[in-house]
Amino acid sequence: MPDGDIIFRPGDRNLAADAGKIQAGKYSMECKPGKKTVEIRGMRNVAGAKEQTLETGETGTDVEQYIPLEFNDKTTLKADVTESGETTFDFSLKGK
């Protein structure tokens, strides 16, 4: 995936999540330790969408989430972030 967002959510939804940007298929970020569920999101322009002007005066085209739900809203991805320093988590986005 070229660009998007990655979010590490703690088991306790009352605690803040840690998030980072995916650029050119890679991400680097700081994350508090603990067991996390991981969400990966990617948006792209809707094919054939025309540029529109919003009430705010900004212009843009319609976008859509193109990563399957099993990797974001209904994520099955997990990570156990330790306090030991740098850790690498690679996630495959191939559907089941």
PDB file of N, CA and C in Angstrom:
ATOM      1  N   MET A   1       0.854  -1.164   0.000  1.00  0.00           N
ATOM      2  CA  MET A   1       0.000   0.000   0.000  1.00  0.00           C
ATOM      3  C   MET A   1       0.897   1.223   0.000  1.00  0.00           C
ATOM      4  N   PRO A   2       0.664   2.151  -0.868  1.00  0.00           N
ATOM      5  CA  PRO A   2       1.566   3.302  -0.974  1.00  0.00           C
ATOM      6  C   PRO A   2       1.463   4.275   0.207  1.00  0.00           C
ATOM      7  N   ASP A   3       0.283   4.758   0.521  1.00  0.00           N
ATOM      8  CA  ASP A   3       0.102   5.753   1.577  1.00  0.00           C
ATOM      9  C   ASP A   3      -1.165   5.463   2.362  1.00  0.00           C
ATOM     10  N   GLY A   4      -1.184   5.889   3.608  1.00  0.00           N
ATOM     11  CA  GLY A   4      -2.364   5.685   4.443  1.00  0.00           C
ATOM     12  C   GLY A   4      -2.067   6.002   5.889  1.00  0.00           C
ATOM     13  N   ASP A   5      -2.842   5.401   6.771  1.00  0.00           N
ATOM     14  CA  ASP A   5      -2.706   5.622   8.208  1.00  0.00           C
ATOM     15  C   ASP A   5      -2.673   4.283   8.924  1.00  0.00           C
ATOM     16  N   ILE A   6      -1.921   4.226  10.022  1.00  0.00           N
ATOM     17  CA  ILE A   6      -1.892   3.043  10.876  1.00  0.00           C
ATOM     18  C   ILE A   6      -2.181   3.493  12.302  1.00  0.00           C
ATOM     19  N   ILE A   7      -3.049   2.753  12.971  1.00  0.00           N
ATOM     20  CA  ILE A   7      -3.493   3.123  14.312  1.00  0.00           C
ATOM     21  C   ILE A   7      -3.326   1.917  15.231  1.00  0.00           C
ATOM     22  N   PHE A   8      -2.643   2.114  16.355  1.00  0.00           N
ATOM     23  CA  PHE A   8      -2.476   1.091  17.381  1.00  0.00           C
ATOM     24  C   PHE A   8      -3.396   1.453  18.541  1.00  0.00           C
ATOM     25  N   ARG A   9      -4.456   0.655  18.753  1.00  0.00           N
ATOM     26  CA  ARG A   9      -5.437   0.939  19.802  1.00  0.00           C
ATOM     27  C   ARG A   9      -5.224   0.007  20.995  1.00  0.00           C
ATOM     28  N   PRO A  10      -5.232   0.588  22.211  1.00  0.00           N
ATOM     29  CA  PRO A  10      -5.126  -0.260  23.399  1.00  0.00           C
ATOM     30  C   PRO A  10      -6.425  -1.015  23.630  1.00  0.00           C
ATOM     31  N   GLY A  11      -6.362  -2.079  24.428  1.00  0.00           N
ATOM     32  CA  GLY A  11      -7.567  -2.845  24.746  1.00  0.00           C
ATOM     33  C   GLY A  11      -8.613  -1.996  25.441  1.00  0.00           C
ATOM     34  N   ASP A  12      -8.175  -1.055  26.272  1.00  0.00           N
ATOM     35  CA  ASP A  12      -9.083  -0.144  26.967  1.00  0.00           C
ATOM     36  C   ASP A  12      -9.385   1.024  26.038  1.00  0.00           C
ATOM     37  N   ARG A  13     -10.584   1.068  25.492  1.00  0.00           N
ATOM     38  CA  ARG A  13     -10.952   2.112  24.521  1.00  0.00           C
ATOM     39  C   ARG A  13     -11.017   3.510  25.139  1.00  0.00           C
ATOM     40  N   ASN A  14     -10.900   3.609  26.474  1.00  0.00           N
ATOM     41  CA  ASN A  14     -10.865   4.918  27.125  1.00  0.00           C
ATOM     42  C   ASN A  14      -9.477   5.547  27.053  1.00  0.00           C
ATOM     43  N   LEU A  15      -8.472   4.752  26.703  1.00  0.00           N
ATOM     44  CA  LEU A  15      -7.109   5.254  26.567  1.00  0.00           C
ATOM     45  C   LEU A  15      -6.869   5.712  25.133  1.00  0.00           C
ATOM     46  N   ALA A  16      -5.958   6.651  24.980  1.00  0.00           N
ATOM     47  CA  ALA A  16      -5.662   7.201  23.652  1.00  0.00           C
ATOM     48  C   ALA A  16      -4.919   6.186  22.787  1.00  0.00           C
ATOM     49  N   ALA A  17      -5.239   6.205  21.513  1.00  0.00           N
ATOM     50  CA  ALA A  17      -4.549   5.372  20.527  1.00  0.00           C
ATOM     51  C   ALA A  17      -3.291   6.095  20.060  1.00  0.00           C
ATOM     52  N   ASP A  18      -2.372   5.351  19.467  1.00  0.00           N
ATOM     53  CA  ASP A  18      -1.186   5.917  18.832  1.00  0.00           C
ATOM     54  C   ASP A  18      -1.340   5.723  17.328  1.00  0.00           C
ATOM     55  N   ALA A  19      -1.019   6.752  16.559  1.00  0.00           N
ATOM     56  CA  ALA A  19      -1.233   6.680  15.112  1.00  0.00           C
ATOM     57  C   ALA A  19      -0.026   7.227  14.362  1.00  0.00           C
ATOM     58  N   GLY A  20       0.130   6.746  13.136  1.00  0.00           N
ATOM     59  CA  GLY A  20       1.204   7.217  12.282  1.00  0.00           C
ATOM     60  C   GLY A  20       0.785   7.184  10.824  1.00  0.00           C
ATOM     61  N   LYS A  21       1.585   7.809   9.989  1.00  0.00           N
ATOM     62  CA  LYS A  21       1.342   7.859   8.548  1.00  0.00           C
ATOM     63  C   LYS A  21       2.140   6.769   7.844  1.00  0.00           C
ATOM     64  N   ILE A  22       1.507   6.139   6.880  1.00  0.00           N
ATOM     65  CA  ILE A  22       2.187   5.184   6.006  1.00  0.00           C
ATOM     66  C   ILE A  22       2.565   5.955   4.749  1.00  0.00           C
ATOM     67  N   GLN A  23       3.856   5.922   4.399  1.00  0.00           N
ATOM     68  CA  GLN A  23       4.329   6.604   3.200  1.00  0.00           C
ATOM     69  C   GLN A  23       5.209   5.643   2.420  1.00  0.00           C
ATOM     70  N   ALA A  24       4.887   5.471   1.160  1.00  0.00           N
ATOM     71  CA  ALA A  24       5.618   4.542   0.287  1.00  0.00           C
ATOM     72  C   ALA A  24       5.678   3.145   0.902  1.00  0.00           C
ATOM     73  N   GLY A  25       4.568   2.743   1.557  1.00  0.00           N
ATOM     74  CA  GLY A  25       4.464   1.404   2.110  1.00  0.00           C
ATOM     75  C   GLY A  25       5.163   1.195   3.442  1.00  0.00           C
ATOM     76  N   LYS A  26       5.732   2.256   4.032  1.00  0.00           N
ATOM     77  CA  LYS A  26       6.470   2.132   5.294  1.00  0.00           C
ATOM     78  C   LYS A  26       5.933   3.126   6.316  1.00  0.00           C
ATOM     79  N   TYR A  27       6.114   2.790   7.591  1.00  0.00           N
ATOM     80  CA  TYR A  27       5.738   3.715   8.657  1.00  0.00           C
ATOM     81  C   TYR A  27       6.773   3.647   9.768  1.00  0.00           C
ATOM     82  N   SER A  28       6.893   4.726  10.509  1.00  0.00           N
ATOM     83  CA  SER A  28       7.751   4.791  11.679  1.00  0.00           C
ATOM     84  C   SER A  28       7.051   5.711  12.663  1.00  0.00           C
ATOM     85  N   MET A  29       6.918   5.250  13.907  1.00  0.00           N
ATOM     86  CA  MET A  29       6.175   6.034  14.889  1.00  0.00           C
ATOM     87  C   MET A  29       6.535   5.580  16.292  1.00  0.00           C
ATOM     88  N   GLU A  30       6.158   6.382  17.267  1.00  0.00           N
ATOM     89  CA  GLU A  30       6.285   5.990  18.662  1.00  0.00           C
ATOM     90  C   GLU A  30       4.941   5.457  19.117  1.00  0.00           C
ATOM     91  N   CYS A  31       4.986   4.466  20.009  1.00  0.00           N
ATOM     92  CA  CYS A  31       3.752   3.838  20.479  1.00  0.00           C
ATOM     93  C   CYS A  31       3.937   3.413  21.928  1.00  0.00           C
ATOM     94  N   LYS A  32       2.950   3.694  22.748  1.00  0.00           N
ATOM     95  CA  LYS A  32       2.997   3.264  24.143  1.00  0.00           C
ATOM     96  C   LYS A  32       2.954   1.734  24.201  1.00  0.00           C
ATOM     97  N   PRO A  33       3.653   1.130  25.171  1.00  0.00           N
ATOM     98  CA  PRO A  33       3.667  -0.330  25.268  1.00  0.00           C
ATOM     99  C   PRO A  33       2.310  -0.912  25.648  1.00  0.00           C
ATOM    100  N   GLY A  34       2.120  -2.177  25.286  1.00  0.00           N
ATOM    101  CA  GLY A  34       0.912  -2.910  25.637  1.00  0.00           C
ATOM    102  C   GLY A  34       0.378  -3.704  24.458  1.00  0.00           C
ATOM    103  N   LYS A  35      -0.642  -4.494  24.735  1.00  0.00           N
ATOM    104  CA  LYS A  35      -1.302  -5.275  23.683  1.00  0.00           C
ATOM    105  C   LYS A  35      -2.235  -4.340  22.912  1.00  0.00           C
ATOM    106  N   LYS A  36      -2.142  -4.370  21.592  1.00  0.00           N
ATOM    107  CA  LYS A  36      -2.882  -3.439  20.734  1.00  0.00           C
ATOM    108  C   LYS A  36      -3.653  -4.177  19.650  1.00  0.00           C
ATOM    109  N   THR A  37      -4.745  -3.571  19.236  1.00  0.00           N
ATOM    110  CA  THR A  37      -5.366  -3.950  17.975  1.00  0.00           C
ATOM    111  C   THR A  37      -4.898  -2.898  16.975  1.00  0.00           C
ATOM    112  N   VAL A  38      -4.690  -3.316  15.751  1.00  0.00           N
ATOM    113  CA  VAL A  38      -4.093  -2.438  14.746  1.00  0.00           C
ATOM    114  C   VAL A  38      -5.079  -2.221  13.609  1.00  0.00           C
ATOM    115  N   GLU A  39      -5.253  -0.954  13.238  1.00  0.00           N
ATOM    116  CA  GLU A  39      -6.107  -0.590  12.102  1.00  0.00           C
ATOM    117  C   GLU A  39      -5.236   0.035  11.025  1.00  0.00           C
ATOM    118  N   ILE A  40      -5.485  -0.350   9.793  1.00  0.00           N
ATOM    119  CA  ILE A  40      -4.782   0.234   8.655  1.00  0.00           C
ATOM    120  C   ILE A  40      -5.834   0.785   7.704  1.00  0.00           C
ATOM    121  N   ARG A  41      -5.652   2.047   7.357  1.00  0.00           N
ATOM    122  CA  ARG A  41      -6.634   2.729   6.510  1.00  0.00           C
ATOM    123  C   ARG A  41      -5.940   3.361   5.311  1.00  0.00           C
ATOM    124  N   GLY A  42      -6.607   3.309   4.173  1.00  0.00           N
ATOM    125  CA  GLY A  42      -6.095   3.938   2.965  1.00  0.00           C
ATOM    126  C   GLY A  42      -7.253   4.494   2.157  1.00  0.00           C
ATOM    127  N   MET A  43      -7.104   5.711   1.714  1.00  0.00           N
ATOM    128  CA  MET A  43      -8.153   6.370   0.937  1.00  0.00           C
ATOM    129  C   MET A  43      -7.644   6.616  -0.484  1.00  0.00           C
ATOM    130  N   ARG A  44      -8.567   6.566  -1.424  1.00  0.00           N
ATOM    131  CA  ARG A  44      -8.231   6.901  -2.810  1.00  0.00           C
ATOM    132  C   ARG A  44      -9.417   7.628  -3.425  1.00  0.00           C
ATOM    133  N   ASN A  45      -9.130   8.356  -4.500  1.00  0.00           N
ATOM    134  CA  ASN A  45     -10.197   9.066  -5.209  1.00  0.00           C
ATOM    135  C   ASN A  45     -11.154   8.069  -5.838  1.00  0.00           C
ATOM    136  N   VAL A  46     -12.431   8.379  -5.798  1.00  0.00           N
ATOM    137  CA  VAL A  46     -13.449   7.547  -6.432  1.00  0.00           C
ATOM    138  C   VAL A  46     -13.312   7.713  -7.942  1.00  0.00           C
ATOM    139  N   ALA A  47     -13.250   6.602  -8.660  1.00  0.00           N
ATOM    140  CA  ALA A  47     -13.116   6.649 -10.120  1.00  0.00           C
ATOM    141  C   ALA A  47     -14.269   7.437 -10.729  1.00  0.00           C
ATOM    142  N   GLY A  48     -13.946   8.364 -11.589  1.00  0.00           N
ATOM    143  CA  GLY A  48     -14.958   9.145 -12.286  1.00  0.00           C
ATOM    144  C   GLY A  48     -15.546  10.288 -11.477  1.00  0.00           C
ATOM    145  N   ALA A  49     -15.098  10.473 -10.240  1.00  0.00           N
ATOM    146  CA  ALA A  49     -15.634  11.558  -9.402  1.00  0.00           C
ATOM    147  C   ALA A  49     -15.167  12.902  -9.938  1.00  0.00           C
ATOM    148  N   LYS A  50     -16.055  13.874  -9.885  1.00  0.00           N
ATOM    149  CA  LYS A  50     -15.732  15.223 -10.346  1.00  0.00           C
ATOM    150  C   LYS A  50     -15.372  16.092  -9.151  1.00  0.00           C
ATOM    151  N   GLU A  51     -14.494  17.055  -9.387  1.00  0.00           N
ATOM    152  CA  GLU A  51     -14.112  17.975  -8.323  1.00  0.00           C
ATOM    153  C   GLU A  51     -15.314  18.802  -7.904  1.00  0.00           C
ATOM    154  N   GLN A  52     -15.460  18.983  -6.593  1.00  0.00           N
ATOM    155  CA  GLN A  52     -16.587  19.727  -6.038  1.00  0.00           C
ATOM    156  C   GLN A  52     -16.067  20.814  -5.109  1.00  0.00           C
ATOM    157  N   THR A  53     -16.873  21.844  -4.916  1.00  0.00           N
ATOM    158  CA  THR A  53     -16.553  22.883  -3.948  1.00  0.00           C
ATOM    159  C   THR A  53     -17.455  22.703  -2.741  1.00  0.00           C
ATOM    160  N   LEU A  54     -16.846  22.622  -1.570  1.00  0.00           N
ATOM    161  CA  LEU A  54     -17.592  22.448  -0.332  1.00  0.00           C
ATOM    162  C   LEU A  54     -18.090  23.793   0.186  1.00  0.00           C
ATOM    163  N   GLU A  55     -18.968  23.764   1.188  1.00  0.00           N
ATOM    164  CA  GLU A  55     -19.476  24.995   1.793  1.00  0.00           C
ATOM    165  C   GLU A  55     -18.348  25.834   2.376  1.00  0.00           C
ATOM    166  N   THR A  56     -17.260  25.192   2.760  1.00  0.00           N
ATOM    167  CA  THR A  56     -16.113  25.902   3.336  1.00  0.00           C
ATOM    168  C   THR A  56     -15.281  26.615   2.274  1.00  0.00           C
ATOM    169  N   GLY A  57     -15.573  26.353   1.001  1.00  0.00           N
ATOM    170  CA  GLY A  57     -14.806  26.940  -0.084  1.00  0.00           C
ATOM    171  C   GLY A  57     -13.683  26.040  -0.577  1.00  0.00           C
ATOM    172  N   GLU A  58     -13.409  24.956   0.153  1.00  0.00           N
ATOM    173  CA  GLU A  58     -12.379  24.012  -0.269  1.00  0.00           C
ATOM    174  C   GLU A  58     -12.897  23.168  -1.429  1.00  0.00           C
ATOM    175  N   THR A  59     -11.977  22.726  -2.273  1.00  0.00           N
ATOM    176  CA  THR A  59     -12.369  21.854  -3.378  1.00  0.00           C
ATOM    177  C   THR A  59     -11.733  20.485  -3.196  1.00  0.00           C
ATOM    178  N   GLY A  60     -12.362  19.494  -3.770  1.00  0.00           N
ATOM    179  CA  GLY A  60     -11.836  18.142  -3.695  1.00  0.00           C
ATOM    180  C   GLY A  60     -12.753  17.179  -4.415  1.00  0.00           C
ATOM    181  N   THR A  61     -12.322  15.934  -4.493  1.00  0.00           N
ATOM    182  CA  THR A  61     -13.141  14.895  -5.106  1.00  0.00           C
ATOM    183  C   THR A  61     -13.517  13.878  -4.035  1.00  0.00           C
ATOM    184  N   ASP A  62     -14.536  13.084  -4.312  1.00  0.00           N
ATOM    185  CA  ASP A  62     -14.960  12.045  -3.383  1.00  0.00           C
ATOM    186  C   ASP A  62     -13.855  11.001  -3.252  1.00  0.00           C
ATOM    187  N   VAL A  63     -13.666  10.523  -2.023  1.00  0.00           N
ATOM    188  CA  VAL A  63     -12.683   9.477  -1.770  1.00  0.00           C
ATOM    189  C   VAL A  63     -13.375   8.281  -1.138  1.00  0.00           C
ATOM    190  N   GLU A  64     -12.705   7.134  -1.210  1.00  0.00           N
ATOM    191  CA  GLU A  64     -13.253   5.916  -0.618  1.00  0.00           C
ATOM    192  C   GLU A  64     -12.154   5.168   0.127  1.00  0.00           C
ATOM    193  N   GLN A  65     -12.565   4.448   1.165  1.00  0.00           N
ATOM    194  CA  GLN A  65     -11.671   3.559   1.902  1.00  0.00           C
ATOM    195  C   GLN A  65     -11.499   2.309   1.035  1.00  0.00           C
ATOM    196  N   TYR A  66     -10.270   1.958   0.681  1.00  0.00           N
ATOM    197  CA  TYR A  66     -10.090   0.798  -0.197  1.00  0.00           C
ATOM    198  C   TYR A  66      -9.439  -0.399   0.498  1.00  0.00           C
ATOM    199  N   ILE A  67      -9.103  -0.255   1.749  1.00  0.00           N
ATOM    200  CA  ILE A  67      -8.549  -1.377   2.510  1.00  0.00           C
ATOM    201  C   ILE A  67      -9.723  -2.166   3.088  1.00  0.00           C
ATOM    202  N   PRO A  68      -9.749  -3.489   2.965  1.00  0.00           N
ATOM    203  CA  PRO A  68     -10.870  -4.285   3.483  1.00  0.00           C
ATOM    204  C   PRO A  68     -11.112  -4.052   4.979  1.00  0.00           C
ATOM    205  N   LEU A  69     -12.376  -4.161   5.393  1.00  0.00           N
ATOM    206  CA  LEU A  69     -12.778  -3.919   6.779  1.00  0.00           C
ATOM    207  C   LEU A  69     -12.026  -4.778   7.785  1.00  0.00           C
ATOM    208  N   GLU A  70     -11.575  -5.971   7.387  1.00  0.00           N
ATOM    209  CA  GLU A  70     -10.871  -6.849   8.325  1.00  0.00           C
ATOM    210  C   GLU A  70      -9.532  -6.268   8.776  1.00  0.00           C
ATOM    211  N   PHE A  71      -9.113  -5.154   8.160  1.00  0.00           N
ATOM    212  CA  PHE A  71      -7.870  -4.497   8.547  1.00  0.00           C
ATOM    213  C   PHE A  71      -8.102  -3.137   9.191  1.00  0.00           C
ATOM    214  N   ASN A  72      -9.363  -2.710   9.363  1.00  0.00           N
ATOM    215  CA  ASN A  72      -9.641  -1.436  10.021  1.00  0.00           C
ATOM    216  C   ASN A  72     -10.867  -1.542  10.928  1.00  0.00           C
ATOM    217  N   ASP A  73     -12.060  -1.234  10.455  1.00  0.00           N
ATOM    218  CA  ASP A  73     -13.242  -1.234  11.328  1.00  0.00           C
ATOM    219  C   ASP A  73     -13.494  -2.577  12.007  1.00  0.00           C
ATOM    220  N   LYS A  74     -13.179  -3.675  11.339  1.00  0.00           N
ATOM    221  CA  LYS A  74     -13.355  -5.022  11.908  1.00  0.00           C
ATOM    222  C   LYS A  74     -12.003  -5.737  11.951  1.00  0.00           C
ATOM    223  N   THR A  75     -11.006  -5.017  12.413  1.00  0.00           N
ATOM    224  CA  THR A  75      -9.630  -5.512  12.353  1.00  0.00           C
ATOM    225  C   THR A  75      -9.417  -6.850  13.052  1.00  0.00           C
ATOM    226  N   THR A  76      -8.552  -7.629  12.455  1.00  0.00           N
ATOM    227  CA  THR A  76      -8.094  -8.881  13.055  1.00  0.00           C
ATOM    228  C   THR A  76      -6.600  -8.783  13.380  1.00  0.00           C
ATOM    229  N   LEU A  77      -6.010  -7.613  13.143  1.00  0.00           N
ATOM    230  CA  LEU A  77      -4.574  -7.415  13.353  1.00  0.00           C
ATOM    231  C   LEU A  77      -4.278  -7.109  14.819  1.00  0.00           C
ATOM    232  N   LYS A  78      -3.207  -7.708  15.336  1.00  0.00           N
ATOM    233  CA  LYS A  78      -2.796  -7.527  16.736  1.00  0.00           C
ATOM    234  C   LYS A  78      -1.302  -7.237  16.796  1.00  0.00           C
ATOM    235  N   ALA A  79      -0.890  -6.546  17.851  1.00  0.00           N
ATOM    236  CA  ALA A  79       0.531  -6.302  18.107  1.00  0.00           C
ATOM    237  C   ALA A  79       0.736  -6.193  19.610  1.00  0.00           C
ATOM    238  N   ASP A  80       1.849  -6.713  20.080  1.00  0.00           N
ATOM    239  CA  ASP A  80       2.220  -6.579  21.489  1.00  0.00           C
ATOM    240  C   ASP A  80       3.450  -5.677  21.531  1.00  0.00           C
ATOM    241  N   VAL A  81       3.232  -4.413  21.854  1.00  0.00           N
ATOM    242  CA  VAL A  81       4.306  -3.420  21.865  1.00  0.00           C
ATOM    243  C   VAL A  81       5.019  -3.501  23.215  1.00  0.00           C
ATOM    244  N   THR A  82       6.327  -3.734  23.175  1.00  0.00           N
ATOM    245  CA  THR A  82       7.112  -3.846  24.406  1.00  0.00           C
ATOM    246  C   THR A  82       7.846  -2.536  24.688  1.00  0.00           C
ATOM    247  N   GLU A  83       8.400  -2.439  25.881  1.00  0.00           N
ATOM    248  CA  GLU A  83       9.160  -1.250  26.269  1.00  0.00           C
ATOM    249  C   GLU A  83      10.616  -1.349  25.843  1.00  0.00           C
ATOM    250  N   SER A  84      11.002  -2.411  25.168  1.00  0.00           N
ATOM    251  CA  SER A  84      12.413  -2.693  24.883  1.00  0.00           C
ATOM    252  C   SER A  84      13.033  -1.852  23.773  1.00  0.00           C
ATOM    253  N   GLY A  85      12.355  -0.856  23.292  1.00  0.00           N
ATOM    254  CA  GLY A  85      12.944  -0.019  22.250  1.00  0.00           C
ATOM    255  C   GLY A  85      12.309  -0.283  20.904  1.00  0.00           C
ATOM    256  N   GLU A  86      13.130  -0.209  19.855  1.00  0.00           N
ATOM    257  CA  GLU A  86      12.606  -0.356  18.496  1.00  0.00           C
ATOM    258  C   GLU A  86      12.082  -1.756  18.235  1.00  0.00           C
ATOM    259  N   THR A  87      10.883  -1.808  17.706  1.00  0.00           N
ATOM    260  CA  THR A  87      10.259  -3.074  17.325  1.00  0.00           C
ATOM    261  C   THR A  87       9.671  -2.895  15.938  1.00  0.00           C
ATOM    262  N   THR A  88       9.709  -3.933  15.139  1.00  0.00           N
ATOM    263  CA  THR A  88       9.143  -3.870  13.794  1.00  0.00           C
ATOM    264  C   THR A  88       7.904  -4.746  13.720  1.00  0.00           C
ATOM    265  N   PHE A  89       6.828  -4.171  13.222  1.00  0.00           N
ATOM    266  CA  PHE A  89       5.602  -4.919  12.956  1.00  0.00           C
ATOM    267  C   PHE A  89       5.284  -4.756  11.480  1.00  0.00           C
ATOM    268  N   ASP A  90       5.284  -5.852  10.744  1.00  0.00           N
ATOM    269  CA  ASP A  90       4.896  -5.845   9.332  1.00  0.00           C
ATOM    270  C   ASP A  90       3.551  -6.549   9.226  1.00  0.00           C
ATOM    271  N   PHE A  91       2.646  -5.975   8.469  1.00  0.00           N
ATOM    272  CA  PHE A  91       1.302  -6.528   8.329  1.00  0.00           C
ATOM    273  C   PHE A  91       1.007  -6.803   6.863  1.00  0.00           C
ATOM    274  N   SER A  92       0.525  -8.003   6.576  1.00  0.00           N
ATOM    275  CA  SER A  92       0.105  -8.364   5.225  1.00  0.00           C
ATOM    276  C   SER A  92      -1.360  -7.978   5.061  1.00  0.00           C
ATOM    277  N   LEU A  93      -1.683  -7.296   3.990  1.00  0.00           N
ATOM    278  CA  LEU A  93      -3.059  -6.859   3.759  1.00  0.00           C
ATOM    279  C   LEU A  93      -3.776  -7.731   2.744  1.00  0.00           C
ATOM    280  N   LYS A  94      -3.373  -8.967   2.642  1.00  0.00           N
ATOM    281  CA  LYS A  94      -4.056  -9.888   1.730  1.00  0.00           C
ATOM    282  C   LYS A  94      -5.309 -10.396   2.401  1.00  0.00           C
ATOM    283  N   GLY A  95      -6.445 -10.288   1.715  1.00  0.00           N
ATOM    284  CA  GLY A  95      -7.725 -10.738   2.259  1.00  0.00           C
ATOM    285  C   GLY A  95      -7.784 -12.245   2.400  1.00  0.00           C
ATOM    286  N   LYS A  96      -8.734 -12.678   3.230  1.00  0.00           N
ATOM    287  CA  LYS A  96      -8.908 -14.116   3.463  1.00  0.00           C
ATOM    288  C   LYS A  96      -9.777 -14.727   2.405  1.00  0.00           C
TER     289      LYS A  96
END
